[in-house]
N, C-alpha and C. Protein backbone atom coordinates (compact mmCIF):
# COMPACT_ATOMS: atom_id res chain seq x y z
N MET A 1 1.33 -4.02 -27.05
CA MET A 1 2.52 -4.05 -27.22
C MET A 1 2.53 -5.50 -28.66
N ALA A 2 3.13 -4.82 -29.81
CA ALA A 2 3.20 -5.66 -30.85
C ALA A 2 5.25 -5.51 -31.37
N THR A 3 5.23 -6.81 -31.53
CA THR A 3 6.42 -6.97 -32.06
C THR A 3 6.53 -6.89 -33.47
N ARG A 4 7.49 -6.50 -33.93
CA ARG A 4 7.46 -6.28 -35.67
C ARG A 4 8.77 -6.00 -35.87
N MET A 5 9.43 -7.20 -36.55
CA MET A 5 10.61 -7.63 -37.19
C MET A 5 12.05 -7.54 -36.05
N GLY A 6 11.46 -8.41 -34.72
CA GLY A 6 12.41 -8.52 -33.46
C GLY A 6 12.01 -7.56 -32.73
N SER A 7 11.83 -6.12 -32.55
CA SER A 7 11.77 -5.47 -31.73
C SER A 7 10.48 -5.34 -31.39
N ILE A 8 10.36 -4.41 -30.13
CA ILE A 8 9.03 -4.27 -29.25
C ILE A 8 8.39 -2.90 -29.25
N ARG A 9 7.38 -2.23 -29.61
CA ARG A 9 6.67 -1.11 -29.53
C ARG A 9 6.22 -1.29 -28.25
N ALA A 10 6.45 -0.06 -28.03
CA ALA A 10 5.56 0.55 -26.25
C ALA A 10 4.17 1.58 -26.81
N GLU A 11 3.23 1.58 -25.75
CA GLU A 11 2.55 2.16 -25.76
C GLU A 11 2.48 2.93 -24.26
N ARG A 12 1.96 4.08 -24.58
CA ARG A 12 1.72 5.00 -23.68
C ARG A 12 0.11 4.35 -22.70
N PRO A 13 0.38 4.19 -21.34
CA PRO A 13 -0.98 4.03 -20.71
C PRO A 13 -2.13 5.11 -20.57
N HIS A 14 -3.21 4.36 -21.43
CA HIS A 14 -4.39 5.03 -21.67
C HIS A 14 -6.05 4.93 -20.50
N GLY A 15 -6.80 5.76 -20.35
CA GLY A 15 -7.70 4.94 -19.86
C GLY A 15 -7.80 6.17 -18.54
N SER A 16 -8.79 6.18 -17.45
CA SER A 16 -8.52 7.20 -16.37
C SER A 16 -7.80 6.16 -15.10
N ALA A 17 -6.51 6.76 -14.81
CA ALA A 17 -6.12 6.10 -13.61
C ALA A 17 -7.02 6.78 -12.34
N SER A 18 -7.44 6.41 -11.40
CA SER A 18 -8.08 7.34 -10.53
C SER A 18 -6.71 7.51 -9.49
N PRO A 19 -6.91 8.32 -8.80
CA PRO A 19 -5.86 9.08 -7.79
C PRO A 19 -5.57 8.29 -6.31
N ASN A 20 -5.02 8.39 -5.78
CA ASN A 20 -4.60 7.67 -4.65
C ASN A 20 -5.70 7.88 -3.53
N ARG A 21 -6.23 7.58 -2.56
CA ARG A 21 -6.87 7.58 -1.86
C ARG A 21 -6.35 8.49 -0.56
N ARG A 22 -7.10 9.88 -0.52
CA ARG A 22 -6.32 10.46 0.49
C ARG A 22 -7.04 10.45 1.94
N TYR A 23 -6.70 10.13 2.97
CA TYR A 23 -7.19 10.30 4.36
C TYR A 23 -6.82 11.67 4.77
N PRO A 24 -7.82 12.49 6.27
CA PRO A 24 -7.22 13.29 6.31
C PRO A 24 -5.84 13.54 7.09
N ASP A 25 -5.28 14.86 6.79
CA ASP A 25 -4.18 15.32 7.59
C ASP A 25 -4.04 15.58 8.72
N GLY A 26 -2.91 15.48 9.05
CA GLY A 26 -2.48 15.98 10.74
C GLY A 26 -3.04 14.43 11.98
N ARG A 27 -3.34 13.57 11.48
CA ARG A 27 -3.64 12.43 12.45
C ARG A 27 -2.38 12.05 12.87
N ILE A 28 -2.77 11.48 14.38
CA ILE A 28 -1.44 11.31 15.03
C ILE A 28 -2.03 9.52 15.61
N CYS A 29 -1.34 8.78 15.50
CA CYS A 29 -1.26 7.34 15.98
C CYS A 29 -1.72 7.31 17.20
N SER A 30 -3.17 6.15 17.65
CA SER A 30 -4.03 5.98 18.44
C SER A 30 -3.61 5.33 19.44
N ALA A 31 -2.44 4.90 19.37
CA ALA A 31 -1.98 4.18 20.00
C ALA A 31 -1.43 4.75 21.62
N PRO A 32 -1.84 4.64 22.77
CA PRO A 32 -1.35 5.46 24.10
C PRO A 32 0.13 5.83 24.22
N GLY A 33 0.18 7.23 24.01
CA GLY A 33 2.10 7.73 24.80
C GLY A 33 2.27 7.76 23.19
N CYS A 34 1.87 7.68 22.12
CA CYS A 34 2.54 7.61 20.64
C CYS A 34 2.06 8.51 20.07
N ASP A 35 2.72 9.58 19.42
CA ASP A 35 2.71 10.85 18.86
C ASP A 35 2.86 11.22 17.46
N ALA A 36 3.33 9.82 16.71
CA ALA A 36 3.98 9.94 15.65
C ALA A 36 2.81 9.84 14.32
N ARG A 37 2.86 10.78 13.70
CA ARG A 37 2.06 11.35 12.78
C ARG A 37 1.73 10.18 11.47
N ILE A 38 0.57 10.19 11.29
CA ILE A 38 0.17 9.51 10.33
C ILE A 38 0.14 9.82 8.97
N SER A 39 0.60 9.55 7.28
CA SER A 39 0.30 9.64 6.36
C SER A 39 -1.00 9.71 5.83
N ILE A 40 -1.00 10.94 4.55
CA ILE A 40 -2.50 10.67 4.45
C ILE A 40 -2.81 9.76 3.48
N TYR A 41 -2.14 9.07 3.02
CA TYR A 41 -2.08 7.65 2.10
C TYR A 41 -1.90 6.43 3.38
N ASN A 42 -2.42 6.88 4.26
CA ASN A 42 -2.38 5.29 5.70
C ASN A 42 -3.66 5.47 5.97
N ARG A 43 -4.37 4.30 5.52
CA ARG A 43 -5.90 3.94 6.15
C ARG A 43 -6.18 4.30 7.37
N ASN A 44 -5.03 3.27 8.27
CA ASN A 44 -5.20 3.06 9.01
C ASN A 44 -4.88 4.33 10.51
N ASP A 45 -5.24 3.56 11.47
CA ASP A 45 -5.38 4.68 12.62
C ASP A 45 -4.25 4.56 13.47
N ARG A 46 -3.54 3.75 13.33
CA ARG A 46 -1.90 3.72 14.32
C ARG A 46 -0.80 3.66 13.06
N CYS A 47 0.25 3.67 13.97
CA CYS A 47 1.53 3.81 13.11
C CYS A 47 1.72 2.48 12.86
N TRP A 48 3.11 2.25 12.16
CA TRP A 48 3.23 0.98 11.63
C TRP A 48 4.21 0.36 13.08
N ALA A 49 4.69 1.19 13.74
CA ALA A 49 5.28 0.40 15.33
C ALA A 49 3.94 -0.12 16.18
N HIS A 50 2.61 0.25 15.92
CA HIS A 50 1.48 -0.27 16.93
C HIS A 50 0.53 -0.97 16.24
N LEU A 51 0.72 -1.09 14.83
CA LEU A 51 -0.05 -1.86 14.18
C LEU A 51 -0.28 -3.37 14.19
N GLY A 52 0.33 -3.64 14.57
CA GLY A 52 -0.04 -5.24 15.01
C GLY A 52 0.80 -6.19 13.77
N LEU A 53 1.15 -7.32 13.85
CA LEU A 53 1.44 -8.27 13.18
C LEU A 53 1.04 -9.17 12.15
N LYS A 54 1.10 -8.65 10.97
CA LYS A 54 -0.48 -9.62 10.12
C LYS A 54 1.40 -11.45 9.44
N VAL A 55 0.40 -12.47 9.62
CA VAL A 55 1.02 -13.24 9.20
C VAL A 55 0.88 -13.55 7.54
N PRO A 56 1.61 -13.77 7.05
CA PRO A 56 1.36 -13.95 5.34
C PRO A 56 1.28 -15.85 5.79
N ARG A 57 0.55 -16.29 4.45
CA ARG A 57 0.26 -17.45 4.12
C ARG A 57 1.41 -17.83 3.14
N LEU A 58 1.98 -18.72 3.41
CA LEU A 58 2.42 -19.44 1.84
C LEU A 58 2.54 -20.63 1.56
N ARG A 59 2.47 -20.89 0.17
CA ARG A 59 2.01 -22.58 -0.28
C ARG A 59 0.89 -22.73 0.31
N GLY A 60 -0.15 -21.80 1.01
CA GLY A 60 -1.46 -22.55 1.47
C GLY A 60 -1.38 -22.94 2.83
N ARG A 61 0.15 -22.76 3.78
CA ARG A 61 0.27 -23.21 4.94
C ARG A 61 0.40 -21.94 6.18
N LYS A 62 -0.07 -21.82 7.06
CA LYS A 62 0.03 -20.83 7.79
C LYS A 62 1.39 -21.17 8.62
N ILE A 63 2.37 -19.83 8.80
CA ILE A 63 2.96 -20.04 9.35
C ILE A 63 3.09 -19.35 10.62
N GLY A 64 3.74 -20.03 11.61
CA GLY A 64 3.57 -19.25 13.07
C GLY A 64 2.70 -20.33 13.82
N SER A 65 1.99 -20.67 13.80
CA SER A 65 0.95 -21.82 14.09
C SER A 65 1.07 -23.19 14.83
């Protein structure tokens, strides 16, 4: 991006962007009794409801401990 007399000029992205990774179609959540279909873009074997909770770190401190 270059500035020229107060204006901004944009460029198209170039290079080879890799495609999104895909996983097999038709997968079902592996939790017992759950028949939710998993997206081909979801790398996990469980749906969002059965995946488990991840607690993020904020400013170097753990939350919920």
